[in-house]
Protein backbone atom coordinates (compact mmCIF):
# COMPACT_ATOMS: atom_id res chain seq x y z
CA MET A 1 5.46 -9.01 -7.71
CA MET A 2 7.38 -6.22 -5.87
CA ASP A 3 6.09 -6.65 -2.54
CA GLY A 4 9.51 -7.32 -1.12
CA ILE A 5 11.26 -4.23 -2.77
CA TYR A 6 9.27 -1.69 -1.64
CA ALA A 7 8.96 -3.45 1.73
CA ASP A 8 12.80 -2.77 1.67
CA MET A 9 12.51 0.29 0.13
CA MET A 10 9.69 1.42 3.29
CA ARG A 11 12.13 -0.07 5.69
CA ASP A 12 15.16 2.08 4.14
CA GLU A 13 13.07 5.14 5.25
CA GLY A 14 12.23 3.68 8.96
CA ILE A 15 9.21 2.53 8.34
CA ASP A 16 8.22 -1.40 9.97
CA VAL A 17 6.47 -3.18 6.93
CA THR A 18 7.25 -6.71 5.78
CA ALA A 19 6.67 -7.91 2.49
CA GLY A 20 3.64 -9.77 3.37
CA GLN A 21 1.82 -6.70 4.94
CA MET A 22 2.85 -4.71 2.08
CA SER A 23 1.03 -7.76 -0.30
CA GLN A 24 -1.56 -7.57 1.86
CA LEU A 25 -2.20 -3.51 2.42
CA SER A 26 -1.34 -3.15 -0.99
CA ALA A 27 -4.11 -5.70 -2.93
CA GLN A 28 -6.87 -4.39 -0.13
CA VAL A 29 -6.08 -0.34 -1.24
CA CYS A 30 -6.17 -1.28 -5.05
CA ASP A 31 -9.06 -3.09 -4.52
CA ALA A 32 -10.97 0.22 -2.51
CA PHE A 33 -9.82 2.50 -5.49
CA ASP A 34 -11.96 0.38 -7.95
CA ALA A 35 -14.93 0.06 -5.83
CA GLY A 36 -14.65 4.09 -5.89
CA ALA A 37 -12.55 4.46 -1.72
CA GLY A 38 -10.61 7.74 -1.54
CA GLN A 39 -7.90 8.55 0.35
CA GLU A 40 -8.75 8.50 3.79
CA GLU A 41 -10.63 5.18 3.42
CA ALA A 42 -7.21 3.92 1.71
CA LEU A 43 -5.08 5.38 4.98
CA GLY A 44 -7.18 3.24 7.39
CA ILE A 45 -6.38 -0.10 5.19
CA VAL A 46 -3.22 0.97 5.99
CA GLN A 47 -3.70 1.94 9.35
CA GLU A 48 -5.92 -1.36 9.74
CA VAL A 49 -2.89 -3.97 8.62
CA THR A 50 0.54 -2.08 9.49
CA GLY A 51 -0.70 0.07 12.88
CA GLU A 52 0.66 2.67 10.65
CA THR A 53 -0.30 6.04 11.21
CA GLY A 54 0.81 10.36 9.78
CA TRP A 55 3.16 10.93 7.28
CA ARG A 56 4.84 7.02 7.78
CA ALA A 57 1.19 5.57 6.34
CA THR A 58 1.65 7.98 3.81
CA ARG A 59 4.55 6.74 2.50
CA LEU A 60 3.25 3.31 2.27
CA LEU A 61 -0.18 4.33 0.75
CA GLN A 62 2.40 5.97 -2.08
CA GLY A 63 4.00 2.84 -2.11
CA ALA A 64 1.17 0.46 -2.59
CA VAL A 65 -0.39 2.39 -5.39
CA VAL A 66 3.12 2.49 -7.18
CA ASN A 67 4.08 -0.98 -6.48
CA ARG A 68 0.25 -2.84 -7.13
CA CYS A 69 -2.63 -0.32 -7.91
CA SER A 70 -0.67 0.71 -11.48
CA GLN A 71 0.02 -3.12 -12.51
CA HIS A 72 -3.46 -3.83 -11.14
CA ALA A 73 -4.91 -0.97 -14.04
CA ASP A 74 -2.84 -1.87 -16.71
CA ASN A 75 -4.27 -5.86 -16.15
CA THR A 76 -7.58 -4.42 -15.85
CA TYR A 77 -8.75 -1.86 -17.78
């Protein structure tokens, strides 16, 4: 997976996240969106996994969606 690459990108932007955290939050966010969750719930997942809030949480959410959810949708639908 691309978790390590996206984690590196986030760290380059000043957001401290590991590849393992990126993998975990990406999977949980995609599952939540599949179950009908909205952005607020997804941001809660980001905060739970990484402790980040505000713009950093939003950026991590964007990375998670690009990293995993687009691939998940292609494989699922």
